[in-house]
Protein backbone atom coordinates (compact mmCIF):
# COMPACT_ATOMS: atom_id res chain seq x y z
CA MET A 1 117.70 203.35 174.42
CA SER A 2 118.16 201.95 170.90
CA ALA A 3 119.13 203.90 167.80
CA PHE A 4 115.58 203.24 166.50
CA SER A 5 113.96 204.79 169.58
CA GLU A 6 116.36 207.75 169.43
CA ARG A 7 115.39 208.38 165.81
CA LEU A 8 111.69 208.27 166.73
CA SER A 9 112.20 210.78 169.51
CA MET A 10 114.31 213.06 167.30
CA LEU A 11 111.78 213.00 164.43
CA ARG A 12 108.87 213.74 166.76
CA THR A 13 110.75 216.56 168.49
CA LYS A 14 111.69 218.14 165.15
CA LYS A 15 107.99 218.26 164.26
CA GLY A 16 107.13 219.76 167.65
CA TRP A 17 104.61 216.99 168.30
CA SER A 18 103.71 215.33 171.57
CA LYS A 19 103.75 211.56 172.01
CA THR A 20 99.97 211.73 172.41
CA HIS A 21 99.59 213.50 169.06
CA VAL A 22 101.78 210.96 167.25
CA ALA A 23 99.93 208.06 168.85
CA LYS A 24 96.59 209.49 167.68
CA LEU A 25 97.92 209.93 164.14
CA LEU A 26 99.11 206.31 164.15
CA GLY A 27 95.90 204.99 165.73
CA ILE A 28 97.66 203.45 168.74
CA ARG A 29 97.70 204.07 172.49
CA MET A 30 100.03 206.82 173.72
CA GLN A 31 101.77 204.46 176.14
CA THR A 32 102.47 202.03 173.30
CA TYR A 33 104.14 204.78 171.27
CA ALA A 34 106.01 206.05 174.32
CA ASN A 35 107.40 202.55 174.85
CA TYR A 36 108.74 202.62 171.27
CA GLU A 37 110.63 205.81 172.10
CA TYR A 38 111.84 204.44 175.46
CA GLY A 39 113.11 201.34 173.69
CA SER A 40 111.12 198.97 175.90
CA ARG A 41 108.91 197.83 173.02
CA GLU A 42 109.26 197.51 169.23
CA PRO A 43 106.50 198.09 166.69
CA ASP A 44 105.44 195.50 164.12
CA PHE A 45 106.16 196.01 160.42
CA GLU A 46 102.81 197.68 159.76
CA VAL A 47 103.38 200.30 162.45
CA VAL A 48 106.98 200.90 161.31
CA SER A 49 105.62 201.58 157.82
CA LYS A 50 103.01 204.00 159.21
CA ILE A 51 105.68 205.80 161.24
CA ALA A 52 107.91 206.16 158.16
CA GLU A 53 105.00 207.58 156.18
CA LEU A 54 104.05 209.95 159.00
CA TYR A 55 107.56 211.40 159.20
CA SER A 56 108.21 211.21 155.42
CA VAL A 57 111.27 209.02 155.88
CA THR A 58 112.11 205.55 154.68
CA VAL A 59 111.68 202.42 156.77
CA ASP A 60 115.40 201.86 156.16
CA TYR A 61 116.15 205.16 157.86
CA LEU A 62 114.05 204.25 160.90
CA LEU A 63 115.68 200.84 161.24
CA ASN A 64 119.24 201.51 160.07
CA GLY A 65 119.70 205.27 159.97
CA GLN A 66 120.24 205.34 156.18
CA SER A 67 118.34 206.93 153.27
CA LYS A 68 116.42 209.43 155.38
CA GLU A 69 114.38 211.17 152.69
CA ARG A 70 111.53 209.32 151.08
CA VAL A 71 111.36 209.98 147.37
CA GLU A 72 108.00 211.05 146.02
CA LEU A 73 107.52 209.75 142.49
CA SER A 74 105.60 211.71 139.93
CA PRO A 75 103.40 210.03 137.34
CA VAL A 76 105.42 208.14 134.76
CA ILE A 77 103.67 209.66 131.77
CA ASP A 78 102.04 213.07 131.94
CA ASP A 79 98.88 213.44 129.81
CA SER A 80 100.11 216.75 128.40
CA ALA A 81 103.45 215.36 127.19
CA ILE A 82 103.96 214.37 123.56
CA PHE A 83 106.02 211.23 123.03
CA THR A 84 107.56 210.20 119.75
CA TYR A 85 109.53 207.25 118.42
CA GLU A 86 111.64 207.58 115.30
CA GLY A 87 110.03 210.94 114.62
CA LYS A 88 106.46 209.62 114.77
CA ARG A 89 103.98 210.37 117.54
CA ILE A 90 103.24 207.34 119.75
CA PRO A 91 99.49 206.53 119.66
CA LYS A 92 97.53 207.03 122.90
CA LYS A 93 96.71 203.31 123.10
CA ASP A 94 100.43 202.45 123.00
CA LEU A 95 101.22 205.11 125.62
CA GLU A 96 98.62 203.57 127.93
CA LEU A 97 100.33 200.18 127.52
CA ILE A 98 103.76 201.70 128.18
CA LYS A 99 102.44 203.49 131.25
CA ARG A 100 100.89 200.27 132.63
CA ILE A 101 104.12 198.34 132.07
CA LEU A 102 106.22 201.01 133.81
CA GLU A 103 103.85 201.42 136.75
CA THR A 104 102.84 197.81 137.37
CA GLY A 105 105.11 195.57 135.36
CA GLU A 106 102.02 194.08 133.69
CA TYR A 107 102.05 193.95 129.92
CA GLY A 108 99.29 191.45 129.02
CA ASP A 109 95.93 192.46 127.58
CA LYS A 110 93.34 193.58 130.08
């Protein structure tokens, strides 16, 4: 049994879920998921990502045992917040640009 399969089994057990339940949530056959836990089969990247999301852990944790908790990010700029620069309120249009740059890295006109 690999460390990956042991982590899968431990995460599922902590939730109190059956292999059948997890397989249904992932949209795969129960035997396929069971083989992941037995270590006789490995999931593709897409399924690893779905498993990480399901258990609220990082892919890195599943694969390497590090960085267990997935960080949930809040919106970069809250609509109720007031932002200023050099004592002057930042116009809404400029805040929208700042928000787009921070969230997507895009800064060109749209």
